[in-house]
Amino acid sequence: MTVVADKPRNKRKVRPAGRVASLRSGMTSWLSRPLADFHLLLAIFGMLTVLGLVMVLSASAPGQVASGVSAYSVFQKQLIYVCIGAVLFWVMLRFPLRKLRHFSTAAMGIGVLLLALVLTPLGDVRGGARSWFTLGPISFQPIEAVKLALALWGAHVLVTKRALLSQYRHLLVPVVPVAMLVFALVMLQPDLGGTITLGVVLISLLWFVGAPMRLFGVIAGGAVAGAVVLAIGATYRLQRVTSFLNPDADPDGAGHQARQAMFALADGGLFGKGLARGSSQWRYLPNVESDFIFAVIGEELGFVGCGLVLVLFGGLAWVGLRIASRNTDPWIRIVAATLTVWLVAQAAINIGYVVQLLPVTGLTLPMISSGGTSIVTTMIVFGILANCARHEPEAVSALRSLGPGRVGGLLRLPAPEAYRPPAKRKPVRPSTPPRAPGRSRTQQLPVMDERRMAGRSAPPSEYRRRDSRRTQGRSELGRSTRGRGRSN
């Protein structure tokens, strides 16, 4: 009797490709949830807020100590503005988007008025630009609010006229003339960085509304010509351009900031020196807590910290455009996409001039750089984007059927309203002409064309003769038949 030994069963090994596929399927199923965009946006918002507060404290404390003031002076102001921005974020998250759209026209008008008033003695001059209002301890720049108002109002106008946008006069008027007026008011301050971001908002509006490509070619040519004129027209702008082309030509003057920023990034290495251990904030790098805070991130947190910032803004770009694509309301689609491009483009410009890919423009890094007006406006923008995420059709149905959820219940958020497309207008019927006095209704009826009724080309008089002959023939025939009947 032979005994056959059982063959050992090979254990199935989980391949790395299988793990990647399972991870991908899990991420796909999670992203298909109704409120996935809303939760992702909240996570990005929270991480950028915490990172910004930590880096403002780390970048500003050594310089404040060297100046003989409290190390927490700049951080305390930033924390107060963050608290104000958090309240406004919550308000924008609860505010109905339909009312926000209706208020956009008034907001745009108020913004243009503030830009005109800041050029008067009511405005303060800081950094060579008259662009600030100061009310006691509070100061703000109206240009930040005008960027948001232009995005909301421009989307409202373009969506209202979307049936006529194939004509250039309806596509460009009144959005482009109002934007040109705002550009002129901002350049009178002068504020080149604000003009650039306003241009980004305008181009985004025209792009997402479906403007023809030839229009963007004209805009690009005009932008290049305008940049050349502005660079030649002011000495400090020309110095920025020359220092960008050759930073070593004036290492202690116009090229000082760019060179020191590159030194800070090079000293950081892979993991950085650690928080508050960098040397650039000890007055080696001007405006270290605002314009060049990305250089401090690279020095203290290294390549990993810079990569984290890039991942967060890349995630913001992906989530914001995903929110725009998943909405059905055309106004929400344009607003979400425009606000997303604005924030991401501003971050790209700031990082670009820190790493010497672009000339220095003075734009801040959103949510991270120190600045009261900038951080408050950016948090309002995040609140509007989060509100747009809750207005996705799947999110609306889920929130109305299943309730607000944990986050919505904690923030006491109302259920969003479903989008209802405007009703199509019925064609207007021509009104009946007024009845003349002394005439009956039968006399008011229009006379039909006899030629159309007969289908021939004879004149109307001939038709009347033929009809009269027919009637006479019928009457004579009737009389004859009646006479025959009587004789019979």
Protein backbone atom coordinates (compact mmCIF):
# COMPACT_ATOMS: atom_id res chain seq x y z
CA MET A 1 0.00 0.00 0.00
CA THR A 2 1.49 3.23 -1.10
CA VAL A 3 0.87 6.44 0.79
CA VAL A 4 0.80 9.58 -1.28
CA ALA A 5 2.03 12.57 0.64
CA ASP A 6 0.02 15.75 0.33
CA LYS A 7 1.80 18.48 -1.52
CA PRO A 8 2.38 21.55 0.56
CA ARG A 9 0.07 24.32 -0.50
CA ASN A 10 1.79 27.49 -1.55
CA LYS A 11 0.64 30.45 0.40
CA ARG A 12 -0.57 33.23 -1.74
CA LYS A 13 1.70 36.19 -1.47
CA VAL A 14 0.21 39.64 -1.73
CA ARG A 15 2.02 41.38 -4.50
CA PRO A 16 2.85 45.07 -4.30
CA ALA A 17 0.77 45.63 -7.40
CA GLY A 18 -2.22 44.14 -5.61
CA ARG A 19 -1.68 46.43 -2.64
CA VAL A 20 -1.51 49.44 -4.92
CA ALA A 21 -4.69 48.34 -6.67
CA SER A 22 -6.52 47.86 -3.36
CA LEU A 23 -5.31 51.23 -2.14
CA ARG A 24 -6.43 52.83 -5.37
CA SER A 25 -9.85 51.21 -5.17
CA GLY A 26 -10.20 52.34 -1.56
CA MET A 27 -9.30 55.93 -2.45
CA THR A 28 -11.69 55.85 -5.38
CA SER A 29 -14.55 54.63 -3.23
CA TRP A 30 -13.80 57.26 -0.58
CA LEU A 31 -13.61 60.06 -3.14
CA SER A 32 -16.94 58.98 -4.58
CA ARG A 33 -18.67 59.89 -1.33
CA PRO A 34 -21.00 62.91 -1.49
CA LEU A 35 -19.01 65.13 0.94
CA ALA A 36 -15.49 64.01 0.03
CA ASP A 37 -14.57 67.39 -1.52
CA PHE A 38 -15.92 69.26 1.49
CA HIS A 39 -13.87 67.20 3.94
CA LEU A 40 -10.71 67.40 1.82
CA LEU A 41 -11.03 71.17 1.57
CA LEU A 42 -11.46 71.47 5.34
CA ALA A 43 -8.35 69.35 5.88
CA ILE A 44 -6.25 71.50 3.51
CA PHE A 45 -7.62 74.65 5.14
CA GLY A 46 -6.75 73.46 8.64
CA MET A 47 -3.24 72.33 7.71
CA LEU A 48 -2.41 75.58 5.93
CA THR A 49 -3.74 77.61 8.87
CA VAL A 50 -1.64 75.74 11.46
CA LEU A 51 1.45 75.77 9.25
CA GLY A 52 1.06 79.50 8.66
CA LEU A 53 0.80 80.35 12.35
CA VAL A 54 3.81 78.20 13.24
CA MET A 55 5.97 79.68 10.50
CA VAL A 56 4.98 83.28 11.25
CA LEU A 57 6.02 82.77 14.87
CA SER A 58 9.28 81.10 13.91
CA ALA A 59 10.16 83.67 11.25
CA SER A 60 9.25 86.83 13.19
CA ALA A 61 10.38 86.06 16.75
CA PRO A 62 14.18 86.49 16.29
CA GLY A 63 13.81 89.77 14.45
CA GLN A 64 11.42 91.14 17.05
CA VAL A 65 13.80 90.20 19.87
CA ALA A 66 16.67 91.89 18.04
CA SER A 67 14.50 95.03 17.73
CA GLY A 68 13.87 95.10 21.49
CA VAL A 69 10.15 94.23 21.40
CA SER A 70 8.19 91.15 22.36
CA ALA A 71 8.96 88.04 20.36
CA TYR A 72 5.21 87.38 20.04
CA SER A 73 4.15 90.82 18.76
CA VAL A 74 3.76 89.83 15.09
CA PHE A 75 2.37 86.42 16.02
CA GLN A 76 -0.30 87.92 18.28
CA LYS A 77 -1.54 90.20 15.50
CA GLN A 78 -1.58 87.31 13.08
CA LEU A 79 -3.50 85.15 15.56
CA ILE A 80 -6.13 87.89 16.00
CA TYR A 81 -6.60 88.14 12.23
CA VAL A 82 -6.82 84.36 11.97
CA CYS A 83 -9.61 84.35 14.57
CA ILE A 84 -11.47 87.05 12.65
CA GLY A 85 -10.97 85.10 9.45
CA ALA A 86 -12.21 81.89 11.08
CA VAL A 87 -15.46 83.63 12.09
CA LEU A 88 -15.92 84.97 8.56
CA PHE A 89 -15.11 81.51 7.18
CA TRP A 90 -17.98 80.10 9.24
CA VAL A 91 -20.29 82.93 8.13
CA MET A 92 -19.49 82.30 4.45
CA LEU A 93 -20.02 78.60 5.01
CA ARG A 94 -23.57 79.30 6.22
CA PHE A 95 -24.39 82.17 3.88
CA PRO A 96 -26.76 81.27 1.01
CA LEU A 97 -24.95 81.40 -2.31
CA ARG A 98 -27.94 82.93 -4.07
CA LYS A 99 -27.86 85.94 -1.76
CA LEU A 100 -24.11 86.17 -2.20
CA ARG A 101 -24.62 86.34 -5.95
CA HIS A 102 -27.23 89.09 -5.58
CA PHE A 103 -24.94 91.13 -3.32
CA SER A 104 -21.97 90.86 -5.70
CA THR A 105 -22.96 93.92 -7.74
CA ALA A 106 -23.15 96.14 -4.66
CA ALA A 107 -19.85 94.70 -3.39
CA MET A 108 -18.15 95.54 -6.69
CA GLY A 109 -19.42 99.10 -6.59
CA ILE A 110 -18.25 99.57 -2.99
CA GLY A 111 -14.85 98.09 -3.88
CA VAL A 112 -14.31 100.53 -6.77
CA LEU A 113 -15.31 103.40 -4.48
CA LEU A 114 -12.79 102.30 -1.82
CA LEU A 115 -10.04 102.06 -4.42
CA ALA A 116 -10.79 105.64 -5.44
CA LEU A 117 -10.87 106.86 -1.81
CA VAL A 118 -7.56 105.23 -0.91
CA LEU A 119 -5.83 107.51 -3.42
CA THR A 120 -7.02 110.54 -1.47
CA PRO A 121 -5.46 111.76 1.79
CA LEU A 122 -7.67 109.20 3.56
CA GLY A 123 -5.23 106.48 2.46
CA ASP A 124 -1.88 105.75 4.10
CA VAL A 125 1.43 105.24 2.34
CA ARG A 126 3.35 102.07 3.23
CA GLY A 127 6.23 100.67 1.28
CA GLY A 128 5.96 103.43 -1.29
CA ALA A 129 2.29 102.66 -2.15
CA ARG A 130 -0.84 104.49 -1.04
CA SER A 131 -2.96 101.38 -0.63
CA TRP A 132 -3.96 101.23 3.05
CA PHE A 133 -6.80 102.47 5.23
CA THR A 134 -5.97 102.89 8.92
CA LEU A 135 -8.68 103.07 11.57
CA GLY A 136 -6.90 103.19 14.89
CA PRO A 137 -5.10 99.86 15.43
CA ILE A 138 -6.83 98.28 12.42
CA SER A 139 -5.46 98.66 8.89
CA PHE A 140 -6.58 96.96 5.70
CA GLN A 141 -6.05 97.01 1.93
CA PRO A 142 -9.20 97.35 -0.21
CA ILE A 143 -7.53 95.61 -3.14
CA GLU A 144 -7.94 92.20 -1.45
CA ALA A 145 -11.70 92.61 -1.17
CA VAL A 146 -11.93 93.91 -4.75
CA LYS A 147 -10.33 90.71 -6.07
CA LEU A 148 -13.08 88.66 -4.47
CA ALA A 149 -15.80 91.07 -5.59
CA LEU A 150 -14.53 90.96 -9.19
CA ALA A 151 -14.67 87.15 -9.19
CA LEU A 152 -18.23 87.03 -7.82
CA TRP A 153 -19.64 89.90 -9.88
CA GLY A 154 -17.87 88.91 -13.10
CA ALA A 155 -19.25 85.38 -12.86
CA HIS A 156 -22.73 86.78 -12.21
CA VAL A 157 -22.64 89.02 -15.29
CA LEU A 158 -21.22 86.34 -17.60
CA VAL A 159 -23.71 83.70 -16.47
CA THR A 160 -26.61 86.13 -16.87
CA LYS A 161 -25.51 86.88 -20.46
CA ARG A 162 -24.40 83.35 -21.35
CA ALA A 163 -26.87 83.10 -24.24
CA LEU A 164 -25.23 86.14 -25.90
CA LEU A 165 -21.56 85.43 -25.21
CA SER A 166 -20.89 84.46 -28.82
CA GLN A 167 -20.83 88.20 -29.53
CA TYR A 168 -17.73 90.04 -28.35
CA ARG A 169 -19.59 93.08 -27.09
CA HIS A 170 -21.62 90.95 -24.68
CA LEU A 171 -18.58 88.87 -23.71
CA LEU A 172 -16.37 91.85 -22.89
CA VAL A 173 -18.85 94.50 -21.72
CA PRO A 174 -19.17 95.41 -18.87
CA VAL A 175 -16.68 93.03 -17.20
CA VAL A 176 -13.53 94.06 -19.06
CA PRO A 177 -14.10 97.86 -18.88
CA VAL A 178 -14.74 97.66 -15.12
CA ALA A 179 -11.64 95.49 -14.70
CA MET A 180 -9.59 98.02 -16.66
CA LEU A 181 -10.85 100.78 -14.36
CA VAL A 182 -9.80 98.74 -11.34
CA PHE A 183 -6.38 98.08 -12.90
CA ALA A 184 -5.88 101.80 -13.41
CA LEU A 185 -6.84 102.63 -9.82
CA VAL A 186 -4.51 99.97 -8.44
CA MET A 187 -1.56 101.08 -10.59
CA LEU A 188 -2.03 104.65 -9.37
CA GLN A 189 -1.17 103.47 -5.83
CA PRO A 190 1.07 101.79 -7.29
CA ASP A 191 0.65 98.06 -6.56
CA LEU A 192 2.05 95.73 -9.21
CA GLY A 193 1.29 92.55 -7.26
CA GLY A 194 -2.38 93.47 -6.87
CA THR A 195 -2.63 94.21 -10.58
CA ILE A 196 -1.19 90.80 -11.44
CA THR A 197 -3.70 88.93 -9.27
CA LEU A 198 -6.56 91.00 -10.68
CA GLY A 199 -5.38 89.98 -14.14
CA VAL A 200 -5.39 86.34 -13.06
CA VAL A 201 -8.99 86.69 -11.87
CA LEU A 202 -10.11 88.34 -15.12
CA ILE A 203 -8.38 85.76 -17.33
CA SER A 204 -9.86 82.92 -15.26
CA LEU A 205 -13.38 84.32 -15.68
CA LEU A 206 -12.99 84.56 -19.44
CA TRP A 207 -11.37 81.12 -19.67
CA PHE A 208 -14.01 79.23 -17.71
CA VAL A 209 -16.86 80.96 -19.48
CA GLY A 210 -15.52 79.65 -22.79
CA ALA A 211 -14.03 82.73 -24.48
CA PRO A 212 -12.31 82.09 -27.85
CA MET A 213 -8.56 81.43 -27.86
CA ARG A 214 -7.78 84.40 -30.07
CA LEU A 215 -8.94 86.67 -27.25
CA PHE A 216 -6.33 85.20 -24.91
CA GLY A 217 -3.68 85.78 -27.54
CA VAL A 218 -4.63 89.45 -27.63
CA ILE A 219 -4.61 89.57 -23.81
CA ALA A 220 -1.16 87.95 -23.68
CA GLY A 221 0.22 90.45 -26.16
CA GLY A 222 -1.27 93.35 -24.23
CA ALA A 223 0.07 91.97 -20.94
CA VAL A 224 3.61 91.71 -22.31
CA ALA A 225 3.45 95.23 -23.73
CA GLY A 226 2.04 96.58 -20.47
CA ALA A 227 4.74 94.83 -18.43
CA VAL A 228 7.46 96.37 -20.58
CA VAL A 229 5.94 99.85 -20.25
CA LEU A 230 5.52 99.51 -16.48
CA ALA A 231 9.07 98.20 -16.04
CA ILE A 232 10.55 101.09 -18.00
CA GLY A 233 8.28 103.69 -16.39
CA ALA A 234 9.50 103.19 -12.80
CA THR A 235 13.08 102.89 -11.58
CA TYR A 236 12.40 100.35 -8.82
CA ARG A 237 10.55 98.05 -11.23
CA LEU A 238 13.42 98.21 -13.69
CA GLN A 239 15.82 97.32 -10.86
CA ARG A 240 13.72 94.26 -10.04
CA VAL A 241 13.90 93.08 -13.62
CA THR A 242 17.66 93.63 -13.89
CA SER A 243 18.29 91.95 -10.53
CA PHE A 244 16.21 88.97 -11.70
CA LEU A 245 18.30 88.67 -14.85
CA ASN A 246 21.58 89.11 -12.95
CA PRO A 247 21.27 88.91 -9.14
CA ASP A 248 25.05 89.14 -8.63
CA ALA A 249 25.26 92.53 -10.34
CA ASP A 250 24.05 94.31 -7.16
CA PRO A 251 24.36 91.78 -4.31
CA ASP A 252 23.83 94.33 -1.53
CA GLY A 253 21.09 96.31 -3.28
CA ALA A 254 18.36 95.14 -5.64
CA GLY A 255 19.60 91.52 -5.67
CA HIS A 256 19.98 91.20 -1.90
CA GLN A 257 16.64 89.52 -1.17
CA ALA A 258 16.90 87.01 -4.00
CA ARG A 259 20.43 85.96 -3.05
CA GLN A 260 19.63 85.61 0.66
CA ALA A 261 16.52 83.56 -0.13
CA MET A 262 18.58 81.14 -2.20
CA PHE A 263 21.17 80.86 0.60
CA ALA A 264 18.38 80.02 3.08
CA LEU A 265 16.96 77.32 0.81
CA ALA A 266 20.42 75.83 0.28
CA ASP A 267 21.17 75.72 4.03
CA GLY A 268 17.97 73.79 4.77
CA GLY A 269 18.95 70.57 3.03
CA LEU A 270 16.53 67.67 3.15
CA PHE A 271 14.99 68.00 6.61
CA GLY A 272 16.00 71.56 7.58
CA LYS A 273 17.65 73.01 10.66
CA GLY A 274 14.53 72.94 12.82
CA LEU A 275 12.01 75.56 13.87
CA ALA A 276 13.50 78.91 15.03
CA ARG A 277 17.02 77.67 14.28
CA GLY A 278 17.48 79.37 10.94
CA SER A 279 19.73 82.36 10.40
CA SER A 280 17.79 84.20 7.69
CA GLN A 281 15.27 85.73 10.14
CA TRP A 282 18.08 87.44 12.08
CA ARG A 283 17.78 90.46 9.76
CA TYR A 284 19.63 88.73 6.94
CA LEU A 285 16.50 88.47 4.79
CA PRO A 286 14.08 91.46 4.67
CA ASN A 287 10.31 90.81 4.85
CA VAL A 288 11.06 87.30 6.03
CA GLU A 289 7.67 86.73 7.69
CA SER A 290 5.61 87.95 4.70
CA ASP A 291 6.99 87.91 1.15
CA PHE A 292 9.88 85.46 1.67
CA ILE A 293 8.44 83.09 4.25
CA PHE A 294 8.84 80.19 1.82
CA ALA A 295 12.63 80.64 2.17
CA VAL A 296 12.27 80.21 5.94
CA ILE A 297 10.25 77.05 5.40
CA GLY A 298 13.03 75.68 3.21
CA GLU A 299 15.71 76.57 5.75
CA GLU A 300 13.94 75.28 8.87
CA LEU A 301 11.87 72.40 7.46
CA GLY A 302 14.04 71.58 4.45
CA PHE A 303 12.97 70.01 1.20
CA VAL A 304 10.30 68.02 3.06
CA GLY A 305 8.62 71.19 4.32
CA CYS A 306 8.70 72.81 0.88
CA GLY A 307 7.27 69.62 -0.62
CA LEU A 308 4.46 69.69 1.95
CA VAL A 309 3.53 73.24 0.92
CA LEU A 310 3.52 72.26 -2.75
CA VAL A 311 1.38 69.19 -2.04
CA LEU A 312 -1.16 71.27 -0.10
CA PHE A 313 -1.55 73.85 -2.85
CA GLY A 314 -1.61 71.12 -5.48
CA GLY A 315 -4.37 69.41 -3.52
CA LEU A 316 -6.22 72.73 -3.31
CA ALA A 317 -6.03 73.08 -7.10
CA TRP A 318 -7.36 69.54 -7.63
CA VAL A 319 -10.17 69.80 -5.07
CA GLY A 320 -11.26 73.28 -6.18
CA LEU A 321 -11.50 72.32 -9.83
CA ARG A 322 -13.26 69.09 -8.86
CA ILE A 323 -15.85 71.12 -6.93
CA ALA A 324 -16.38 73.27 -10.01
CA SER A 325 -16.80 70.26 -12.31
CA ARG A 326 -19.26 68.44 -10.03
CA ASN A 327 -21.65 71.38 -9.60
CA THR A 328 -24.57 72.04 -11.92
CA ASP A 329 -25.11 75.73 -11.14
CA PRO A 330 -23.11 77.64 -13.79
CA TRP A 331 -22.40 80.53 -11.42
CA ILE A 332 -20.99 78.19 -8.76
CA ARG A 333 -18.87 76.43 -11.37
CA ILE A 334 -17.24 79.65 -12.57
CA VAL A 335 -16.80 81.07 -9.06
CA ALA A 336 -15.22 77.91 -7.63
CA ALA A 337 -12.81 77.54 -10.54
CA THR A 338 -11.85 81.23 -10.56
CA LEU A 339 -11.21 81.41 -6.81
CA THR A 340 -9.13 78.23 -6.96
CA VAL A 341 -6.97 79.52 -9.81
CA TRP A 342 -6.52 82.83 -7.99
CA LEU A 343 -5.14 81.24 -4.80
CA VAL A 344 -2.98 78.66 -6.55
CA ALA A 345 -1.58 81.18 -9.05
CA GLN A 346 -0.70 83.61 -6.24
CA ALA A 347 1.10 80.82 -4.38
CA ALA A 348 2.94 79.83 -7.56
CA ILE A 349 4.06 83.43 -8.18
CA ASN A 350 5.30 83.82 -4.59
CA ILE A 351 7.24 80.55 -4.67
CA GLY A 352 8.49 81.38 -8.17
CA TYR A 353 10.20 84.61 -7.19
CA VAL A 354 11.62 83.09 -3.99
CA VAL A 355 13.41 80.41 -6.04
CA GLN A 356 14.37 83.01 -8.71
CA LEU A 357 12.09 81.73 -11.44
CA LEU A 358 10.20 85.05 -11.55
CA PRO A 359 10.98 88.68 -10.70
CA VAL A 360 10.05 89.86 -7.21
CA THR A 361 6.46 91.15 -7.19
CA GLY A 362 5.62 91.41 -3.48
CA LEU A 363 2.76 88.89 -3.48
CA THR A 364 2.25 86.97 -0.25
CA LEU A 365 1.96 83.22 0.15
CA PRO A 366 -1.76 82.58 0.85
CA MET A 367 -2.61 81.30 4.36
CA ILE A 368 1.07 81.22 5.39
CA SER A 369 2.55 84.72 5.03
CA SER A 370 1.98 87.35 7.69
CA GLY A 371 -0.67 89.92 6.77
CA GLY A 372 -4.07 90.75 8.22
CA THR A 373 -6.05 91.64 5.10
CA SER A 374 -4.53 88.79 3.11
CA ILE A 375 -5.26 86.07 5.66
CA VAL A 376 -8.82 87.27 6.32
CA THR A 377 -9.67 87.48 2.60
CA THR A 378 -8.13 84.07 1.92
CA MET A 379 -10.16 82.47 4.71
CA ILE A 380 -13.32 84.03 3.29
CA VAL A 381 -12.43 82.50 -0.08
CA PHE A 382 -12.01 79.10 1.57
CA GLY A 383 -15.43 79.52 3.19
CA ILE A 384 -17.04 80.20 -0.19
CA LEU A 385 -15.28 77.19 -1.73
CA ALA A 386 -16.46 74.96 1.12
CA ASN A 387 -20.00 76.26 0.64
CA CYS A 388 -19.73 75.45 -3.07
CA ALA A 389 -18.62 71.91 -2.15
CA ARG A 390 -21.78 71.45 -0.08
CA HIS A 391 -23.90 72.48 -3.10
CA GLU A 392 -22.82 69.56 -5.27
CA PRO A 393 -25.95 67.61 -6.34
CA GLU A 394 -24.94 64.43 -4.49
CA ALA A 395 -24.00 66.41 -1.38
CA VAL A 396 -27.33 68.27 -1.43
CA SER A 397 -29.34 65.05 -1.65
CA ALA A 398 -27.28 63.40 1.09
CA LEU A 399 -27.51 66.35 3.47
CA ARG A 400 -31.25 66.69 2.94
CA SER A 401 -32.01 63.00 3.35
CA LEU A 402 -29.43 61.88 5.93
CA GLY A 403 -28.90 65.05 7.94
CA PRO A 404 -25.96 67.46 8.35
CA GLY A 405 -23.47 64.85 9.54
CA ARG A 406 -20.82 65.28 12.24
CA VAL A 407 -19.06 68.30 10.79
CA GLY A 408 -22.27 70.01 9.75
CA GLY A 409 -23.85 69.37 13.14
CA LEU A 410 -20.78 70.69 14.95
CA LEU A 411 -20.74 73.86 12.86
CA ARG A 412 -24.57 74.12 12.81
CA LEU A 413 -24.72 74.33 9.05
CA PRO A 414 -28.12 74.54 7.33
CA ALA A 415 -29.07 72.17 4.55
CA PRO A 416 -28.09 73.60 1.15
CA GLU A 417 -30.67 74.37 -1.50
CA ALA A 418 -30.80 72.34 -4.68
CA TYR A 419 -30.07 74.15 -7.93
CA ARG A 420 -33.12 75.01 -9.96
CA PRO A 421 -32.41 76.13 -13.52
CA PRO A 422 -34.30 79.25 -14.59
CA ALA A 423 -37.56 78.60 -16.38
CA LYS A 424 -37.54 79.10 -20.11
CA ARG A 425 -39.44 82.14 -21.21
CA LYS A 426 -42.45 81.53 -23.46
CA PRO A 427 -42.53 83.45 -26.72
CA VAL A 428 -44.56 86.61 -26.34
CA ARG A 429 -47.65 86.67 -28.55
CA PRO A 430 -48.39 89.86 -30.44
CA SER A 431 -51.06 91.87 -28.72
CA THR A 432 -54.43 92.44 -30.42
CA PRO A 433 -54.73 95.95 -31.87
CA PRO A 434 -57.27 98.16 -30.15
CA ARG A 435 -60.80 98.00 -31.50
CA ALA A 436 -61.90 101.11 -33.35
CA PRO A 437 -65.10 102.75 -32.08
CA GLY A 438 -68.23 102.03 -34.03
CA ARG A 439 -66.95 98.82 -35.61
CA SER A 440 -67.93 95.26 -34.82
CA ARG A 441 -65.51 92.43 -34.11
CA THR A 442 -66.04 90.92 -37.56
CA GLN A 443 -64.97 94.15 -39.17
CA GLN A 444 -61.73 94.15 -37.16
CA LEU A 445 -60.56 90.77 -38.48
CA PRO A 446 -57.70 90.96 -40.97
CA VAL A 447 -58.58 90.37 -44.61
CA MET A 448 -57.05 87.17 -45.95
CA ASP A 449 -55.00 87.24 -49.11
CA GLU A 450 -57.24 85.97 -51.88
CA ARG A 451 -54.36 84.93 -54.07
CA ARG A 452 -52.97 82.74 -51.25
CA MET A 453 -56.41 81.15 -50.75
CA ALA A 454 -56.81 80.40 -54.46
CA GLY A 455 -53.21 79.36 -55.05
CA ARG A 456 -53.10 81.19 -58.38
CA SER A 457 -51.47 84.28 -59.79
CA ALA A 458 -54.59 86.08 -61.04
CA PRO A 459 -55.37 89.56 -59.67
CA PRO A 460 -57.90 89.85 -56.82
CA SER A 461 -60.51 91.48 -59.05
CA GLU A 462 -60.58 88.38 -61.26
CA TYR A 463 -61.19 86.21 -58.16
CA ARG A 464 -64.12 88.36 -57.19
CA ARG A 465 -65.58 88.07 -60.70
CA ARG A 466 -65.21 84.29 -60.67
CA ASP A 467 -66.81 84.02 -57.23
CA SER A 468 -69.70 86.25 -58.29
CA ARG A 469 -70.23 84.16 -61.45
CA ARG A 470 -70.23 80.96 -59.41
CA THR A 471 -72.77 82.30 -56.96
CA GLN A 472 -74.98 83.62 -59.75
CA GLY A 473 -74.79 80.26 -61.56
CA ARG A 474 -75.74 78.41 -58.38
CA SER A 475 -78.69 80.70 -57.72
CA GLU A 476 -80.02 80.36 -61.32
CA LEU A 477 -79.63 76.59 -61.13
CA GLY A 478 -81.59 76.50 -57.91
CA ARG A 479 -84.40 78.57 -59.37
CA SER A 480 -84.67 76.32 -62.40
CA THR A 481 -84.87 73.19 -60.30
CA ARG A 482 -87.56 74.73 -58.13
CA GLY A 483 -89.64 75.64 -61.27
CA ARG A 484 -89.40 72.14 -62.61
CA GLY A 485 -90.55 70.75 -59.31
CA ARG A 486 -93.65 72.96 -59.27
CA SER A 487 -94.55 72.07 -62.87
CA ASN A 488 -94.26 68.42 -62.06
